[in-house]
Amino acid sequence: MTRTYIKNGQLIDGNGGDAQPDGAVVVEDNQIVFAGPEAAYTPTGDETIVDAGGGTIMPGLIDSHVHMMMQYKPVAEKLETPFSYMYYQAEQYLKTTLNTGITSVRDALGTDRGVKKAVNDGLISGPRMELSINALTTTGGHGDGYTVSGDANDILPSGHRGMPNGICDGVEEVRKKTREMLRAGAEVIKVHATGGVMSATDHPEFTQFSLEELKVIVEEGRFRRGTKVMAHAQGSEGIKNAVKAGIHSIEHGIFLDDEAIELMLANDTFLVPTLLAPVAVLETADEKGMPDTAVQKARDVIEAHKASIEKAYKAGVKIAMGTDAGVMDHGTNLRELSLMTDIGMSPMEAIVASTKTAAECLEWDDQVGTLESGKLADVLVVNGNPLNDIDSLAANDAIQMVMKDGKVEKNTLD
């Protein structure tokens, strides 16, 4: 057994209490065996010591909405890229994400079980992943790559081995397609309950899938040991349908009204805001060759998005951090925390949303999300104090050490 003793830093344990000065974390193999005041731990003398240098010791961060197999590129570049090349690109995206301090992610479509196995087996470096495989969508809805030209321009290829196509209409097609995703390895089911910003032939306020269809998706997940459902849901009617159907988390939540918020509170539904997504569409439109339709929709929704998330936060809806990384560059994820503080969250609340609450959303809170004895050793050392400057986390060089499952994946400490 090997012990690592991380000391000489303030401790943010992820539970939301005050940061502890002179904190320490002790790791044995891949588990935390101590987290608390340095003075309360008696070293054995056999530990490997990691000096946090007066910085901050905190849990590995969790992004509840990513797309690890993609990073948006102009159409011409996509057409010139061989199919299998995306797996080698994904290796870089995974490593970049881990180096950002994100040790766990929920992949919201596009990553198959082979990529997860490669990470779990140590062939490549990356965060632990909860997979949705592919999203269910209606004909002509968000996720259907059909364009006004009549040609298809899917964000990611589907219909290949390990990645079923997600288009389905009607209760029985929806039931079968849900079962196909589960068969392919889905650990959470993803559904597009509304239109979206990035799709060519719909709008974020358009409603997709009936309440009956959504209930079937939830039912099929429940049959598989309670597999939860996450819903891309931007328009208020689609959000309310999703919550009424028993869906576990609402992704984006651009047009939340009071009724939707009350339903989410009553049903204990999580909200994953992805505030960065429309911001990134506008910022990178020219560089990435974003479609004009997506740029205009992003411009139209951005203020409503912020207002909706602020209203939900003030009402007490459970918020888990997620970014939609892949729409924007991987490695820029932690800008989301600053945007969360812009709608009224404190820096500590943004960190809790990115650790404890995100772990609860993924149903992994018995393993990760907080620094506590018995949990997996996902630990960061951060330069300075993010509670005083939450923006500093977005600068990847501020993340000085990343430990995932007891293994140091990044270390720039002197």
Protein backbone atom coordinates (compact mmCIF):
# COMPACT_ATOMS: atom_id res chain seq x y z
CA MET A 1 0.00 0.00 0.00
CA THR A 2 1.16 3.52 -0.79
CA ARG A 3 0.17 6.67 1.06
CA THR A 4 0.21 10.19 -0.29
CA TYR A 5 0.02 13.12 2.13
CA ILE A 6 -1.18 16.38 0.55
CA LYS A 7 -0.61 19.27 2.94
CA ASN A 8 0.04 22.99 3.32
CA GLY A 9 -3.09 24.33 1.65
CA GLN A 10 -6.56 25.53 2.46
CA LEU A 11 -9.09 22.72 2.15
CA ILE A 12 -12.37 22.99 0.23
CA ASP A 13 -14.03 19.63 0.76
CA GLY A 14 -16.99 20.14 -1.62
CA ASN A 15 -19.69 20.10 1.06
CA GLY A 16 -20.15 23.85 1.00
CA GLY A 17 -18.83 24.71 4.45
CA ASP A 18 -16.11 27.25 5.10
CA ALA A 19 -12.71 26.53 3.62
CA GLN A 20 -10.35 25.10 6.24
CA PRO A 21 -6.94 26.76 6.59
CA ASP A 22 -3.98 24.42 6.98
CA GLY A 23 -5.90 21.46 5.60
CA ALA A 24 -4.66 18.09 4.42
CA VAL A 25 -5.79 15.04 2.47
CA VAL A 26 -4.26 11.59 2.84
CA VAL A 27 -4.68 9.00 0.11
CA GLU A 28 -3.99 5.30 0.39
CA ASP A 29 -3.90 3.52 -2.97
CA ASN A 30 -7.03 4.92 -4.67
CA GLN A 31 -9.03 5.97 -1.60
CA ILE A 32 -9.11 8.97 0.69
CA VAL A 33 -8.34 7.94 4.27
CA PHE A 34 -8.21 11.41 5.82
CA ALA A 35 -9.44 14.91 4.94
CA GLY A 36 -9.34 17.68 7.49
CA PRO A 37 -7.00 19.90 9.52
CA GLU A 38 -3.36 19.07 9.07
CA ALA A 39 -2.92 19.14 12.86
CA ALA A 40 -5.41 16.28 13.22
CA TYR A 41 -3.32 13.83 11.19
CA THR A 42 -0.27 12.05 12.58
CA PRO A 43 2.14 11.08 9.78
CA THR A 44 3.61 7.58 9.82
CA GLY A 45 6.77 8.71 8.07
CA ASP A 46 6.13 6.42 5.12
CA GLU A 47 3.99 8.85 3.13
CA THR A 48 4.88 10.51 -0.14
CA ILE A 49 4.42 14.19 0.66
CA VAL A 50 2.81 16.62 -1.77
CA ASP A 51 3.27 20.26 -0.71
CA ALA A 52 0.31 22.36 -1.91
CA GLY A 53 2.45 25.47 -1.51
CA GLY A 54 -0.23 27.45 0.29
CA GLY A 55 -2.75 26.89 -2.49
CA THR A 56 -6.10 25.14 -2.34
CA ILE A 57 -6.82 21.42 -2.00
CA MET A 58 -10.22 20.53 -3.42
CA PRO A 59 -12.18 17.68 -5.02
CA GLY A 60 -11.83 16.74 -8.67
CA LEU A 61 -14.42 18.64 -10.67
CA ILE A 62 -17.34 17.07 -12.56
CA ASP A 63 -18.78 18.27 -15.87
CA SER A 64 -22.31 16.89 -16.20
CA HIS A 65 -22.71 17.62 -19.92
CA VAL A 66 -19.89 17.04 -22.42
CA HIS A 67 -19.33 15.52 -25.85
CA MET A 68 -15.92 13.89 -25.72
CA MET A 69 -15.92 12.65 -29.33
CA MET A 70 -16.33 16.07 -30.92
CA GLN A 71 -15.06 19.62 -31.06
CA TYR A 72 -17.04 21.75 -33.46
CA LYS A 73 -15.27 22.37 -36.76
CA PRO A 74 -16.23 23.89 -40.11
CA VAL A 75 -18.18 21.61 -42.45
CA ALA A 76 -15.39 21.51 -45.05
CA GLU A 77 -12.90 20.26 -42.45
CA LYS A 78 -15.33 17.56 -41.32
CA LEU A 79 -15.79 16.35 -44.88
CA GLU A 80 -12.02 16.06 -45.30
CA THR A 81 -11.53 14.04 -42.09
CA PRO A 82 -11.58 10.20 -42.19
CA PHE A 83 -14.06 8.54 -39.84
CA SER A 84 -11.58 6.87 -37.50
CA TYR A 85 -9.55 10.07 -37.01
CA MET A 86 -12.14 11.28 -34.48
CA TYR A 87 -11.00 8.61 -32.01
CA TYR A 88 -7.44 9.94 -32.02
CA GLN A 89 -8.76 13.48 -31.60
CA ALA A 90 -10.87 12.30 -28.69
CA GLU A 91 -7.76 11.00 -26.95
CA GLN A 92 -6.47 14.57 -26.89
CA TYR A 93 -9.83 15.99 -25.76
CA LEU A 94 -9.94 13.51 -22.88
CA LYS A 95 -6.42 14.33 -21.73
CA THR A 96 -7.07 18.07 -22.00
CA THR A 97 -10.26 17.73 -19.96
CA LEU A 98 -8.46 15.80 -17.23
CA ASN A 99 -5.65 18.37 -17.11
CA THR A 100 -8.31 21.05 -16.62
CA GLY A 101 -9.15 19.44 -13.29
CA ILE A 102 -12.26 17.59 -14.44
CA THR A 103 -11.96 14.02 -13.22
CA SER A 104 -15.52 12.84 -14.04
CA VAL A 105 -17.91 13.63 -16.89
CA ARG A 106 -21.34 12.66 -18.15
CA ASP A 107 -21.14 12.30 -21.92
CA ALA A 108 -24.32 13.65 -23.49
CA LEU A 109 -23.97 11.79 -26.79
CA GLY A 110 -21.35 10.54 -29.19
CA THR A 111 -18.96 8.46 -27.07
CA ASP A 112 -19.18 4.68 -27.24
CA ARG A 113 -18.27 2.07 -24.65
CA GLY A 114 -14.91 1.32 -26.34
CA VAL A 115 -13.63 4.81 -25.50
CA LYS A 116 -14.69 4.38 -21.88
CA LYS A 117 -12.98 0.98 -21.73
CA ALA A 118 -9.77 2.48 -23.14
CA VAL A 119 -9.77 5.02 -20.29
CA ASN A 120 -10.70 2.47 -17.63
CA ASP A 121 -8.00 0.06 -18.83
CA GLY A 122 -5.35 2.78 -18.83
CA LEU A 123 -4.71 2.78 -22.58
CA ILE A 124 -5.44 6.51 -22.64
CA SER A 125 -5.81 9.22 -20.00
CA GLY A 126 -9.15 10.84 -19.32
CA PRO A 127 -11.89 11.46 -16.79
CA ARG A 128 -14.18 8.64 -15.69
CA MET A 129 -17.26 8.69 -17.90
CA GLU A 130 -20.97 8.09 -17.63
CA LEU A 131 -22.22 7.35 -21.15
CA SER A 132 -25.50 8.12 -22.92
CA ILE A 133 -24.22 6.65 -26.25
CA ASN A 134 -26.57 8.68 -28.51
CA ALA A 135 -29.57 10.95 -28.01
CA LEU A 136 -33.12 10.10 -28.97
CA THR A 137 -34.64 12.68 -31.30
CA THR A 138 -37.65 13.09 -33.55
CA THR A 139 -37.61 13.28 -37.34
CA GLY A 140 -36.78 16.90 -38.12
CA GLY A 141 -35.87 17.66 -34.52
CA HIS A 142 -32.73 18.64 -32.71
CA GLY A 143 -30.24 15.90 -33.50
CA ASP A 144 -31.61 15.21 -36.98
CA GLY A 145 -28.85 16.44 -39.28
CA TYR A 146 -31.26 17.17 -42.15
CA THR A 147 -30.59 20.65 -43.56
CA VAL A 148 -32.63 22.98 -45.75
CA SER A 149 -30.63 21.75 -48.75
CA GLY A 150 -32.03 18.26 -48.19
CA ASP A 151 -28.59 16.90 -47.30
CA ALA A 152 -27.65 15.67 -43.83
CA ASN A 153 -24.96 17.36 -41.74
CA ASP A 154 -24.84 15.42 -38.51
CA ILE A 155 -22.64 16.82 -35.76
CA LEU A 156 -21.32 13.31 -35.17
CA PRO A 157 -21.67 10.19 -37.31
CA SER A 158 -24.12 7.61 -36.00
CA GLY A 159 -25.56 4.33 -37.19
CA HIS A 160 -22.15 2.69 -37.00
CA ARG A 161 -21.13 -0.21 -34.76
CA GLY A 162 -21.59 0.80 -31.15
CA MET A 163 -23.49 4.00 -31.97
CA PRO A 164 -27.16 3.46 -32.88
CA ASN A 165 -28.95 6.21 -34.78
CA GLY A 166 -31.26 8.08 -32.42
CA ILE A 167 -34.14 9.18 -34.65
CA CYS A 168 -37.49 7.70 -33.59
CA ASP A 169 -41.18 8.64 -33.74
CA GLY A 170 -44.12 7.21 -31.84
CA VAL A 171 -44.30 5.22 -28.64
CA GLU A 172 -43.13 1.87 -29.99
CA GLU A 173 -40.22 3.27 -32.01
CA VAL A 174 -39.16 5.27 -28.96
CA ARG A 175 -39.32 2.16 -26.77
CA LYS A 176 -37.20 0.16 -29.19
CA LYS A 177 -34.66 2.92 -29.69
CA THR A 178 -34.27 3.35 -25.93
CA ARG A 179 -33.58 -0.36 -25.65
CA GLU A 180 -30.97 -0.10 -28.42
CA MET A 181 -29.15 2.64 -26.50
CA LEU A 182 -29.20 0.55 -23.34
CA ARG A 183 -27.94 -2.46 -25.28
CA ALA A 184 -25.09 -0.35 -26.66
CA GLY A 185 -24.01 0.55 -23.14
CA ALA A 186 -25.97 3.66 -22.14
CA GLU A 187 -25.64 4.37 -18.41
CA VAL A 188 -27.94 7.38 -18.70
CA ILE A 189 -30.51 7.88 -21.45
CA LYS A 190 -30.35 11.16 -23.39
CA VAL A 191 -33.42 12.59 -25.10
CA HIS A 192 -34.00 15.79 -27.03
CA ALA A 193 -37.27 17.06 -25.59
CA THR A 194 -37.11 20.34 -27.55
CA GLY A 195 -35.40 21.93 -30.50
CA GLY A 196 -32.02 23.58 -30.09
CA VAL A 197 -29.60 26.29 -31.08
CA MET A 198 -27.33 24.15 -33.24
CA SER A 199 -29.96 22.35 -35.37
CA ALA A 200 -30.97 23.77 -38.74
CA THR A 201 -34.68 23.03 -39.01
CA ASP A 202 -36.10 23.67 -35.54
CA HIS A 203 -36.05 26.24 -32.73
CA PRO A 204 -35.26 25.96 -29.00
CA GLU A 205 -38.92 26.58 -28.14
CA PHE A 206 -40.22 23.77 -30.38
CA THR A 207 -41.49 20.74 -28.43
CA GLN A 208 -40.27 17.26 -29.40
CA PHE A 209 -41.78 13.98 -28.23
CA SER A 210 -45.16 13.73 -26.55
CA LEU A 211 -45.57 13.25 -22.84
CA GLU A 212 -46.49 9.61 -23.54
CA GLU A 213 -43.27 9.04 -25.51
CA LEU A 214 -41.17 10.60 -22.75
CA LYS A 215 -42.87 8.43 -20.13
CA VAL A 216 -41.94 5.32 -22.14
CA ILE A 217 -38.28 6.40 -22.15
CA VAL A 218 -38.33 6.87 -18.38
CA GLU A 219 -40.12 3.53 -17.94
CA GLU A 220 -37.53 1.65 -20.01
CA GLY A 221 -34.76 3.19 -17.93
CA ARG A 222 -36.50 2.19 -14.73
CA PHE A 223 -36.66 -1.41 -15.95
CA ARG A 224 -32.85 -1.36 -16.21
CA ARG A 225 -32.07 -0.92 -12.51
CA GLY A 226 -33.35 2.63 -12.48
CA THR A 227 -31.25 4.07 -15.31
CA LYS A 228 -31.98 7.81 -15.31
CA VAL A 229 -32.90 10.07 -18.23
CA MET A 230 -31.34 13.43 -19.08
CA ALA A 231 -33.29 15.78 -21.36
CA HIS A 232 -32.01 18.46 -23.69
CA ALA A 233 -34.89 20.81 -22.93
CA GLN A 234 -34.91 24.50 -23.79
CA GLY A 235 -38.53 25.55 -24.44
CA SER A 236 -40.90 25.74 -21.47
CA GLU A 237 -43.46 23.22 -22.75
CA GLY A 238 -40.80 20.61 -23.50
CA ILE A 239 -39.21 21.20 -20.09
CA LYS A 240 -42.54 20.68 -18.34
CA ASN A 241 -43.27 17.54 -20.33
CA ALA A 242 -39.87 16.15 -19.38
CA VAL A 243 -40.32 16.86 -15.68
CA LYS A 244 -43.86 15.43 -15.67
CA ALA A 245 -42.53 12.26 -17.31
CA GLY A 246 -40.07 11.77 -14.46
CA ILE A 247 -36.87 12.81 -16.23
CA HIS A 248 -33.90 13.17 -13.88
CA SER A 249 -32.17 16.30 -15.24
CA ILE A 250 -32.99 19.21 -17.51
CA GLU A 251 -30.11 20.29 -19.75
CA HIS A 252 -29.86 23.96 -20.76
CA GLY A 253 -33.25 25.18 -19.45
CA ILE A 254 -33.26 28.32 -21.58
CA PHE A 255 -36.95 29.24 -21.30
CA LEU A 256 -37.91 28.23 -17.77
CA ASP A 257 -41.19 29.70 -16.58
CA ASP A 258 -42.58 29.71 -13.03
CA GLU A 259 -44.62 26.56 -13.59
CA ALA A 260 -41.58 24.66 -14.89
CA ILE A 261 -39.53 25.74 -11.88
CA GLU A 262 -42.27 24.67 -9.46
CA LEU A 263 -42.47 21.29 -11.18
CA MET A 264 -38.70 20.85 -10.93
CA LEU A 265 -38.77 21.66 -7.23
CA ALA A 266 -41.67 19.28 -6.61
CA ASN A 267 -39.98 16.45 -8.51
CA ASP A 268 -36.44 17.08 -7.21
CA THR A 269 -35.22 17.54 -10.80
CA PHE A 270 -31.65 18.64 -11.49
CA LEU A 271 -30.82 21.56 -13.77
CA VAL A 272 -27.62 21.56 -15.83
CA PRO A 273 -27.42 25.14 -17.20
CA THR A 274 -24.56 25.02 -19.78
CA LEU A 275 -24.41 28.82 -19.72
CA LEU A 276 -21.18 28.68 -21.70
CA ALA A 277 -22.73 27.03 -24.75
CA PRO A 278 -24.51 29.99 -26.42
CA VAL A 279 -21.71 32.33 -25.33
CA ALA A 280 -19.18 30.11 -27.10
CA VAL A 281 -21.30 29.87 -30.25
CA LEU A 282 -21.21 33.67 -30.56
CA GLU A 283 -17.53 33.96 -29.65
CA THR A 284 -16.31 31.32 -32.10
CA ALA A 285 -18.83 31.75 -34.94
CA ASP A 286 -16.32 32.94 -37.53
CA GLU A 287 -13.44 30.69 -36.45
CA LYS A 288 -15.57 27.54 -36.34
CA GLY A 289 -17.80 28.28 -39.29
CA MET A 290 -20.92 28.15 -37.13
CA PRO A 291 -24.13 28.10 -39.20
CA ASP A 292 -25.87 31.46 -39.45
CA THR A 293 -29.04 29.89 -38.02
CA ALA A 294 -27.14 28.79 -34.89
CA VAL A 295 -25.52 32.19 -34.44
CA GLN A 296 -28.84 34.00 -34.70
CA LYS A 297 -30.55 31.61 -32.30
CA ALA A 298 -27.68 31.92 -29.79
CA ARG A 299 -27.95 35.70 -29.99
CA ASP A 300 -31.72 35.49 -29.46
CA VAL A 301 -31.62 33.21 -26.41
CA ILE A 302 -28.58 34.31 -24.43
CA GLU A 303 -30.28 36.84 -22.15
CA ALA A 304 -33.35 34.64 -21.61
CA HIS A 305 -31.00 31.78 -20.70
CA LYS A 306 -29.25 33.78 -18.01
CA ALA A 307 -32.55 35.07 -16.61
CA SER A 308 -34.01 31.55 -16.46
CA ILE A 309 -31.05 30.07 -14.63
CA GLU A 310 -30.99 32.98 -12.18
CA LYS A 311 -34.69 32.49 -11.46
CA ALA A 312 -34.22 28.75 -10.95
CA TYR A 313 -31.22 29.30 -8.66
CA LYS A 314 -33.10 31.80 -6.50
CA ALA A 315 -36.03 29.36 -6.25
CA GLY A 316 -33.76 26.61 -4.97
CA VAL A 317 -33.57 24.25 -7.96
CA LYS A 318 -30.63 21.85 -7.70
CA ILE A 319 -27.94 23.02 -10.13
CA ALA A 320 -25.17 20.75 -11.41
CA MET A 321 -22.35 22.18 -13.49
CA GLY A 322 -22.27 21.25 -17.17
CA THR A 323 -20.85 23.00 -20.21
CA ASP A 324 -21.72 21.27 -23.51
CA ALA A 325 -17.97 21.01 -24.14
CA GLY A 326 -17.47 19.92 -27.72
CA VAL A 327 -19.64 22.78 -28.90
CA MET A 328 -16.78 24.86 -27.52
CA ASP A 329 -13.17 23.70 -27.15
CA HIS A 330 -12.42 21.09 -24.52
CA GLY A 331 -10.30 22.59 -21.78
CA THR A 332 -12.33 25.80 -21.59
CA ASN A 333 -14.94 24.12 -19.36
CA LEU A 334 -14.19 25.99 -16.15
CA ARG A 335 -15.34 29.29 -17.61
CA GLU A 336 -18.78 27.94 -16.67
CA LEU A 337 -18.11 28.61 -12.97
CA SER A 338 -17.59 32.31 -13.58
CA LEU A 339 -20.83 32.46 -15.59
CA MET A 340 -22.61 30.75 -12.70
CA THR A 341 -21.45 33.48 -10.33
CA ASP A 342 -22.72 36.07 -12.83
CA ILE A 343 -26.28 34.83 -12.21
CA GLY A 344 -25.90 35.15 -8.46
CA MET A 345 -24.19 32.02 -7.17
CA SER A 346 -21.31 32.52 -4.77
CA PRO A 347 -17.92 31.08 -5.75
CA MET A 348 -18.41 28.33 -3.13
CA GLU A 349 -21.86 27.50 -4.52
CA ALA A 350 -20.38 27.25 -8.03
CA ILE A 351 -17.72 24.86 -6.72
CA VAL A 352 -20.33 22.74 -4.91
CA ALA A 353 -22.38 22.62 -8.13
CA SER A 354 -19.23 21.32 -9.85
CA THR A 355 -18.45 18.70 -7.20
CA LYS A 356 -21.05 17.48 -4.70
CA THR A 357 -24.21 18.35 -6.65
CA ALA A 358 -22.79 17.14 -9.96
CA ALA A 359 -21.85 13.84 -8.31
CA GLU A 360 -25.43 13.55 -7.04
CA CYS A 361 -26.74 14.25 -10.55
CA LEU A 362 -24.60 11.40 -11.92
CA GLU A 363 -25.59 9.25 -8.91
CA TRP A 364 -21.92 8.85 -8.09
CA ASP A 365 -21.99 10.77 -4.81
CA ASP A 366 -21.07 7.65 -2.83
CA GLN A 367 -17.74 7.61 -4.69
CA VAL A 368 -16.75 11.14 -5.72
CA GLY A 369 -17.68 14.81 -5.39
CA THR A 370 -16.37 15.52 -1.88
CA LEU A 371 -13.14 14.94 -0.01
CA GLU A 372 -14.17 12.39 2.63
CA SER A 373 -12.68 9.23 4.03
CA GLY A 374 -13.70 6.19 2.00
CA LYS A 375 -14.29 8.02 -1.28
CA LEU A 376 -12.20 7.66 -4.42
CA ALA A 377 -9.12 9.84 -4.44
CA ASP A 378 -10.01 12.53 -6.98
CA VAL A 379 -8.07 15.50 -5.66
CA LEU A 380 -6.86 18.82 -7.09
CA VAL A 381 -4.26 21.30 -5.93
CA VAL A 382 -5.02 24.78 -7.21
CA ASN A 383 -2.76 27.80 -7.12
CA GLY A 384 -4.20 30.55 -4.94
CA ASN A 385 -7.73 30.82 -3.63
CA PRO A 386 -10.57 30.29 -6.13
CA LEU A 387 -13.05 31.68 -3.59
CA ASN A 388 -11.40 35.08 -4.07
CA ASP A 389 -11.00 34.71 -7.84
CA ILE A 390 -13.24 32.08 -9.40
CA ASP A 391 -12.08 33.18 -12.86
CA SER A 392 -8.62 31.85 -12.04
CA LEU A 393 -9.84 28.26 -12.40
CA ALA A 394 -10.42 28.84 -16.12
CA ALA A 395 -6.68 29.37 -16.56
CA ASN A 396 -5.55 25.77 -16.81
CA ASP A 397 -2.11 26.53 -15.39
CA ALA A 398 -3.84 27.35 -12.08
CA ILE A 399 -4.67 23.64 -11.79
CA GLN A 400 -1.29 22.48 -10.50
CA MET A 401 -2.04 18.89 -9.56
CA VAL A 402 -4.72 16.50 -10.73
CA MET A 403 -5.14 13.16 -8.99
CA LYS A 404 -7.77 10.76 -10.32
CA ASP A 405 -8.50 7.48 -8.57
CA GLY A 406 -5.30 7.85 -6.56
CA LYS A 407 -3.08 8.38 -9.60
CA VAL A 408 -1.37 11.71 -10.21
CA GLU A 409 -2.27 12.66 -13.80
CA LYS A 410 -0.79 16.18 -13.79
CA ASN A 411 1.73 17.82 -11.48
CA THR A 412 3.34 21.23 -11.98
CA LEU A 413 4.04 21.87 -8.30
CA ASP A 414 7.62 22.89 -7.58
